[in-house]
Protein backbone atom coordinates (compact mmCIF):
# COMPACT_ATOMS: atom_id res chain seq x y z
CA MET A 1 16.26 103.90 78.89
CA GLY A 2 17.42 100.88 80.84
CA MET A 3 15.20 98.07 81.95
CA PRO A 4 13.82 98.29 85.55
CA ARG A 5 15.87 96.37 88.09
CA ALA A 6 14.22 93.13 89.09
CA HIS A 7 13.17 92.82 92.74
CA SER A 8 15.30 90.32 94.52
CA GLY A 9 12.36 89.06 96.58
CA ALA A 10 14.56 88.81 99.67
CA MET A 11 12.63 89.03 102.93
CA PRO A 12 13.95 91.26 105.75
CA ARG A 13 15.78 89.34 108.41
CA LYS A 14 13.64 88.55 111.41
CA LEU A 15 14.78 90.33 114.57
CA ARG A 16 16.18 87.84 117.03
CA PRO A 17 14.29 88.07 120.34
CA LEU A 18 16.08 88.95 123.54
CA PRO A 19 16.46 86.39 126.31
CA ASP A 20 13.47 86.37 128.66
CA ALA A 21 15.60 87.77 131.50
CA LEU A 22 16.17 91.00 129.52
CA VAL A 23 12.71 91.59 128.06
CA GLY A 24 10.81 94.73 128.99
CA ARG A 25 13.39 96.29 131.28
CA PRO A 26 16.75 98.11 131.21
CA PHE A 27 19.72 95.73 131.22
CA ASN A 28 23.48 95.69 131.46
CA VAL A 29 25.22 95.22 128.10
CA ALA A 30 27.83 92.91 129.67
CA ASP A 31 25.06 90.71 131.09
CA ALA A 32 23.42 90.59 127.66
CA ARG A 33 26.64 89.48 126.00
CA ARG A 34 27.03 86.67 128.53
CA LEU A 35 23.52 85.54 127.59
CA GLY A 36 24.50 85.37 123.92
CA VAL A 37 23.08 88.66 122.63
CA THR A 38 25.03 89.76 119.56
CA GLU A 39 26.60 93.17 119.01
CA GLY A 40 24.24 93.77 116.12
CA ARG A 41 21.22 93.13 118.30
CA LEU A 42 22.58 95.46 121.00
CA ARG A 43 22.97 98.20 118.38
CA HIS A 44 19.50 97.72 116.91
CA ARG A 45 17.23 100.77 116.86
CA SER A 46 14.67 98.94 119.03
CA LEU A 47 17.00 99.45 122.01
CA VAL A 48 17.91 102.79 123.58
CA ALA A 49 21.33 103.54 125.09
CA VAL A 50 20.22 105.51 128.14
CA THR A 51 23.71 105.57 129.64
CA ARG A 52 27.04 103.92 128.88
CA GLY A 53 26.80 100.13 129.15
CA SER A 54 23.00 100.09 129.53
CA ARG A 55 20.18 99.37 127.09
CA SER A 56 16.46 99.94 127.49
CA PRO A 57 13.47 98.93 125.35
CA ARG A 58 12.13 102.49 125.45
CA ILE A 59 13.23 106.09 125.88
CA ALA A 60 13.18 106.99 129.55
CA SER A 61 10.25 109.34 130.19
CA SER A 62 10.37 109.44 133.99
CA LEU A 63 12.94 109.61 136.74
CA VAL A 64 12.18 106.05 137.80
CA GLN A 65 12.92 104.74 134.29
CA THR A 66 16.11 106.79 134.09
CA ALA A 67 17.22 105.59 137.51
CA ARG A 68 16.57 101.96 136.62
CA ALA A 69 18.68 102.31 133.47
CA LEU A 70 21.55 103.68 135.56
CA ALA A 71 21.15 101.18 138.40
CA VAL A 72 21.97 98.19 136.17
CA VAL A 73 25.46 99.49 135.41
CA VAL A 74 26.68 101.03 138.69
CA GLU A 75 28.31 99.22 141.60
CA PRO A 76 25.88 97.41 143.92
CA ASP A 77 27.10 99.42 146.93
CA SER A 78 25.67 102.61 145.37
CA ALA A 79 22.42 104.34 146.30
CA PHE A 80 20.52 107.31 144.91
CA SER A 81 20.82 110.39 147.14
CA HIS A 82 20.08 114.11 147.48
CA ASP A 83 17.66 115.51 144.86
CA THR A 84 17.28 112.18 143.07
CA ALA A 85 16.45 110.37 146.30
CA ALA A 86 13.94 113.03 147.32
CA ARG A 87 12.08 112.72 144.02
CA LEU A 88 12.15 108.92 144.02
CA LEU A 89 10.75 108.98 147.55
CA GLY A 90 7.98 111.33 146.46
CA LEU A 91 9.10 114.21 148.67
CA PRO A 92 7.93 117.69 147.59
CA MET A 93 10.53 119.59 145.58
CA ALA A 94 10.12 123.17 144.38
CA GLU A 95 11.20 122.44 140.81
CA PRO A 96 9.77 119.67 138.60
CA TRP A 97 12.03 116.89 137.35
CA VAL A 98 13.49 117.30 133.87
CA PRO A 99 15.19 114.52 131.87
CA SER A 100 18.41 116.52 131.58
CA ALA A 101 18.84 116.76 135.36
CA PRO A 102 21.88 114.88 136.70
CA GLN A 103 21.29 111.94 139.00
CA ASP A 104 22.79 111.96 142.49
CA LEU A 105 24.55 108.71 143.39
CA MET A 106 26.37 107.95 146.65
CA ARG A 107 28.86 105.26 147.63
CA PRO A 108 30.69 104.45 150.87
CA THR A 109 33.63 106.68 151.76
CA ASP A 110 36.22 103.99 151.00
CA SER A 111 34.80 103.40 147.50
CA ALA A 112 35.71 105.29 144.35
CA PHE A 113 33.48 108.08 143.09
CA VAL A 114 31.04 107.16 140.35
CA ARG A 115 32.50 108.76 137.23
CA ARG A 116 29.81 108.81 134.61
CA ARG A 117 28.21 111.49 132.46
CA GLY A 118 24.97 112.76 133.97
CA VAL A 119 25.86 111.66 137.50
CA ARG A 120 26.68 113.80 140.55
CA ALA A 121 28.86 111.60 142.72
CA HIS A 122 28.90 111.59 146.53
CA ARG A 123 30.48 109.48 149.25
CA GLY A 124 29.54 108.69 152.85
CA LEU A 125 26.83 106.09 152.34
CA GLU A 126 27.98 104.07 155.36
CA ARG A 127 26.66 106.87 157.59
CA ARG A 128 23.18 106.83 156.05
CA ALA A 129 20.22 104.48 156.08
CA VAL A 130 19.21 102.96 152.75
CA VAL A 131 15.78 101.77 151.65
CA THR A 132 14.85 99.73 148.57
CA ILE A 133 11.86 100.85 146.52
CA ALA A 134 10.95 99.39 143.12
CA SER A 135 14.30 97.55 143.16
CA LEU A 136 16.19 100.85 143.56
CA ARG A 137 18.51 101.52 146.49
CA ILE A 138 17.72 104.98 147.87
CA VAL A 139 19.05 106.96 150.83
CA SER A 140 16.29 107.16 153.45
CA GLY A 141 13.96 110.14 153.68
CA VAL A 142 15.41 111.48 156.93
CA ASP A 143 19.01 111.29 155.73
CA THR A 144 18.03 112.77 152.37
CA TRP A 145 16.39 115.68 154.22
CA CYS A 146 19.66 116.28 156.06
CA ASP A 147 21.70 116.05 152.85
CA LEU A 148 19.50 118.66 151.15
CA ALA A 149 20.39 121.29 153.77
CA THR A 150 23.23 122.44 151.51
CA ARG A 151 21.06 122.39 148.39
CA VAL A 152 17.68 123.99 149.10
CA PRO A 153 16.57 127.21 150.86
CA LEU A 154 15.34 127.09 154.45
CA ASP A 155 11.64 127.18 153.57
CA GLU A 156 11.97 124.28 151.14
CA LEU A 157 13.85 122.29 153.77
CA VAL A 158 10.94 122.84 156.16
CA VAL A 159 8.52 121.75 153.41
CA ILE A 160 10.36 118.43 153.10
CA GLY A 161 10.55 118.06 156.88
CA ASP A 162 6.79 118.62 157.13
CA ALA A 163 6.23 115.97 154.46
CA LEU A 164 8.29 113.47 156.47
CA ALA A 165 6.35 114.31 159.63
CA ALA A 166 3.09 113.85 157.70
CA ARG A 167 4.26 110.30 156.87
CA GLY A 168 4.44 109.51 160.55
CA ILE A 169 8.13 110.08 161.19
CA PRO A 170 8.40 111.46 164.77
CA LEU A 171 10.03 114.84 165.23
CA SER A 172 12.43 113.17 167.65
CA HIS A 173 13.84 111.16 164.72
CA LEU A 174 14.50 114.36 162.80
CA TYR A 175 16.14 115.94 165.84
CA ALA A 176 18.36 112.87 166.32
CA ALA A 177 19.42 112.99 162.66
CA VAL A 178 20.32 116.67 163.04
CA ALA A 179 22.39 115.89 166.14
CA ARG A 180 24.36 113.28 164.16
CA ARG A 181 25.26 115.93 161.57
CA ARG A 182 26.94 118.23 164.10
CA GLY A 183 29.88 120.06 162.56
CA GLN A 184 28.94 119.23 158.98
CA ARG A 185 28.06 121.63 156.16
CA GLY A 186 24.51 122.93 156.36
CA ILE A 187 24.06 122.17 160.06
CA ARG A 188 22.91 125.69 160.94
CA ARG A 189 20.15 125.64 158.33
CA LEU A 190 19.24 122.09 159.32
CA ARG A 191 18.83 123.06 162.98
CA GLU A 192 16.71 126.04 162.05
CA ALA A 193 14.53 123.92 159.78
CA SER A 194 14.05 121.23 162.41
CA ALA A 195 12.68 123.86 164.79
CA LEU A 196 10.09 124.89 162.21
CA VAL A 197 8.85 121.45 161.16
CA ARG A 198 5.31 120.61 162.30
CA PRO A 199 3.21 117.47 161.86
CA GLY A 200 -0.08 118.03 160.07
CA SER A 201 0.84 119.91 156.91
CA ARG A 202 -0.42 118.18 153.76
CA SER A 203 1.18 120.20 150.99
CA ARG A 204 4.11 122.41 150.11
CA MET A 205 1.91 125.49 149.87
CA GLU A 206 0.37 124.86 153.29
CA THR A 207 3.85 124.79 154.79
CA LEU A 208 4.89 127.98 153.01
CA ALA A 209 1.71 129.71 154.22
CA ARG A 210 2.34 128.58 157.81
CA LEU A 211 5.88 129.92 157.69
CA ALA A 212 4.61 133.25 156.33
CA PHE A 213 2.13 133.47 159.22
CA GLY A 214 4.88 132.86 161.76
CA ARG A 215 7.24 135.41 160.27
CA ALA A 216 4.47 137.99 160.34
CA GLY A 217 4.04 137.43 164.08
CA LEU A 218 0.66 135.68 163.91
CA PRO A 219 -0.26 132.95 166.39
CA GLU A 220 0.56 129.46 165.21
CA PRO A 221 -2.53 127.64 163.89
CA ALA A 222 -3.52 124.02 164.35
CA LEU A 223 -3.03 122.18 161.06
CA ASN A 224 -5.71 120.21 159.25
CA ALA A 225 -7.93 120.24 162.30
CA ASP A 226 -11.58 119.17 162.38
CA VAL A 227 -14.36 121.69 162.93
CA HIS A 228 -17.74 120.64 164.37
CA ASP A 229 -21.05 122.39 164.93
CA GLU A 230 -22.67 122.84 168.34
CA ASP A 231 -24.25 119.37 168.09
CA GLY A 232 -20.90 117.74 167.42
CA GLN A 233 -21.52 117.15 163.74
CA TRP A 234 -18.43 117.36 161.55
CA ILE A 235 -18.34 120.38 159.24
CA LEU A 236 -14.90 120.37 157.66
CA CYS A 237 -11.19 119.82 158.12
CA ALA A 238 -9.47 123.22 158.18
CA ASP A 239 -6.02 123.70 156.67
CA PHE A 240 -5.33 126.29 159.38
CA LEU A 241 -7.41 126.64 162.52
CA TRP A 242 -7.28 129.31 165.20
CA ARG A 243 -9.88 127.67 167.41
CA ALA A 244 -9.98 130.22 170.22
CA LYS A 245 -10.75 133.01 167.74
CA ARG A 246 -13.04 130.82 165.59
CA VAL A 247 -11.02 131.56 162.47
CA ILE A 248 -10.50 129.09 159.63
CA GLY A 249 -7.83 129.48 156.96
CA GLU A 250 -8.11 127.49 153.73
CA TYR A 251 -5.50 127.35 150.98
CA GLN A 252 -7.21 127.12 147.59
CA GLY A 253 -5.06 125.46 144.96
CA ASP A 254 -5.95 124.97 141.31
CA GLN A 255 -7.66 121.66 142.05
CA HIS A 256 -10.30 123.49 144.08
CA ARG A 257 -11.13 125.55 141.00
CA SER A 258 -10.87 122.90 138.31
CA ASP A 259 -12.74 120.12 140.17
CA ARG A 260 -16.36 121.25 140.06
CA ARG A 261 -17.59 118.66 142.57
CA ARG A 262 -14.90 119.65 145.05
CA TRP A 263 -15.65 123.33 144.50
CA ARG A 264 -19.33 122.78 145.29
CA SER A 265 -18.44 120.81 148.43
CA ASP A 266 -16.08 123.59 149.55
CA VAL A 267 -18.82 126.22 149.09
CA THR A 268 -21.33 124.14 151.08
CA ARG A 269 -18.95 123.54 153.95
CA ARG A 270 -17.87 127.17 154.03
CA ARG A 271 -21.49 128.22 154.44
CA LEU A 272 -22.01 125.70 157.23
CA ALA A 273 -18.92 126.97 159.05
CA GLU A 274 -20.00 130.61 158.71
CA ASP A 275 -23.52 129.74 159.88
CA ASN A 276 -21.93 128.29 163.00
CA GLY A 277 -20.01 131.45 163.81
CA TRP A 278 -16.67 130.75 162.15
CA THR A 279 -14.79 133.29 160.04
CA TYR A 280 -13.56 131.65 156.84
CA VAL A 281 -10.46 133.09 155.17
CA GLU A 282 -9.41 131.81 151.76
CA LEU A 283 -5.87 132.24 150.49
CA THR A 284 -4.14 131.42 147.21
CA ALA A 285 -0.61 131.43 145.84
CA ARG A 286 -1.02 135.12 145.04
CA ASP A 287 -1.52 135.87 148.75
CA LEU A 288 1.90 134.34 149.40
CA PHE A 289 3.95 135.56 146.45
CA ASP A 290 2.46 138.98 145.67
CA ARG A 291 3.60 141.67 148.10
CA ALA A 292 0.39 143.71 148.17
CA ALA A 293 -1.87 140.66 148.44
CA HIS A 294 0.35 139.21 151.15
CA ARG A 295 0.18 142.37 153.25
CA GLN A 296 -3.61 142.45 152.92
CA LEU A 297 -3.90 138.82 154.01
CA ILE A 298 -1.64 139.32 157.03
CA ALA A 299 -3.49 142.48 158.03
CA ARG A 300 -6.84 140.73 157.85
CA LEU A 301 -5.67 137.74 159.87
CA GLY A 302 -4.02 140.02 162.40
CA HIS A 303 -7.31 141.88 162.85
CA LEU A 304 -9.32 138.66 163.22
CA LEU A 305 -6.82 137.17 165.66
CA CYS A 306 -6.46 140.42 167.63
CA THR A 307 -2.74 140.33 166.92
CA ALA A 308 -0.65 143.17 165.59
CA PRO A 309 1.45 141.74 162.73
CA HIS A 310 5.00 142.93 162.23
CA ALA A 311 4.79 146.43 160.84
CA ARG A 312 7.02 145.52 157.90
CA SER A 313 6.50 141.83 157.24
CA ALA A 314 8.00 142.16 153.77
CA VAL A 315 8.41 139.04 151.68
CA THR A 316 10.55 138.32 148.68
CA VAL A 317 10.13 135.59 146.10
CA ALA A 318 13.30 133.58 145.51
CA GLN A 319 13.23 130.34 143.53
CA GLY A 320 9.50 130.11 144.11
CA VAL A 321 9.84 130.37 147.89
CA VAL A 322 8.44 132.91 150.33
CA VAL A 323 11.43 134.20 152.25
CA ALA A 324 11.18 136.69 155.09
CA ASP A 325 13.30 139.81 154.57
CA SER A 326 16.13 139.51 157.09
CA SER A 327 15.92 143.23 157.80
CA THR A 328 12.30 143.03 158.92
CA ALA A 329 11.78 139.62 160.48
CA LYS A 330 13.96 137.05 162.21
CA THR A 331 13.24 133.39 162.85
CA ARG A 332 14.22 132.13 166.27
CA LEU A 333 16.64 129.22 166.18
CA LEU A 334 15.29 126.33 168.20
CA HIS A 335 16.71 122.82 168.31
CA PRO A 336 16.44 119.81 170.63
CA ARG A 337 18.91 121.18 173.16
CA ALA A 338 17.34 124.62 173.25
CA GLU A 339 14.83 125.73 175.85
CA GLY A 340 11.27 125.08 174.72
CA VAL A 341 11.64 121.56 173.29
CA ARG A 342 11.01 118.71 175.69
CA LYS A 343 12.60 115.27 175.46
CA ASP A 344 9.81 113.73 173.38
CA GLY A 345 10.30 116.41 170.72
CA ALA A 346 7.25 118.57 171.38
CA SER A 347 7.70 122.34 171.34
CA ARG A 348 5.94 124.83 173.58
CA ALA A 349 3.44 125.43 170.79
CA GLU A 350 2.63 121.70 170.61
CA ARG A 351 2.25 121.43 174.41
CA HIS A 352 -0.12 124.40 174.27
CA SER A 353 -2.06 122.60 171.54
CA GLU A 354 -2.42 119.52 173.73
CA VAL A 355 -3.77 121.57 176.63
CA SER A 356 -6.12 123.82 174.66
CA GLY A 357 -7.59 121.22 172.31
CA GLY A 358 -5.61 121.96 169.18
CA GLN A 359 -5.11 125.73 169.34
CA ALA A 360 -1.38 126.21 168.98
CA ARG A 361 0.44 129.51 169.34
CA SER A 362 3.92 130.58 168.40
CA THR A 363 6.44 131.20 171.14
């Protein structure tokens, strides 16, 4: 048997640190070379090649990290658009982000398309507003909403429009954006969505519930409206309020069930409302996506509101969206030039709400 090989005693080579300008963030490989970073250091396992020509100190685990890794290698006249822009802006999307999803990137019309794996390229940036958030150039929320008209179903487009309105963007700005898109792909859906957007909705499910009410022929409720007792003391803020009929609608998401403190508060406030003569109707996702539960909910609300719902207000579930069956219910197309919307962007339902103290009805 041979003698054991003697240990050389050589110490592993110390990893050369990166220049301060590159530490802790994604960087462009060409920039790193100009700063004296060697090829060996760029290939070291401590750096991740997120996309061609880019290195990052960690594996991207969020869209923001992935976008930052891409932003350091694309032309400076580029901006994130469409689905990517919506998610970066925090707008509600039906499907969660997954790391394998392509990133949407837009450049001006006279620039070349971005040709890179994992990128959906678009042009026309000169016709859109751009905002900068966390050092990322992103197509504005209103223009992103318009761009998504060819990507998402009508109900999801309304959800995003409601979210923009909830951020304080006037309906007139949405209408003006729609007018600028005349003749472009998706304009019909965009006009229809703009007619259905309402300020006041605070979640995707609240918007989907409101749309289901309208398609069933129910009066339009006030959204997230305060309820007081006879002495003027605040009781609660109702997701949906039919004030004239003293009916409250509340969407109960999972957080109402999992948060014990919130659940107790909801129970207390429900009792106070009922003690003051209000009818309190709870609804969940099942009431929107299950046919039998949906019919029962609509029938109950129709009875309470003294309104006969559409006899066949059938719903279908498509891509997680409540969609009215075209054979049983039609949505009226209303846009800024149509009768019923005044110059400041308020619909008949909103004018009625102003006159009657928040009770809005569909027209």
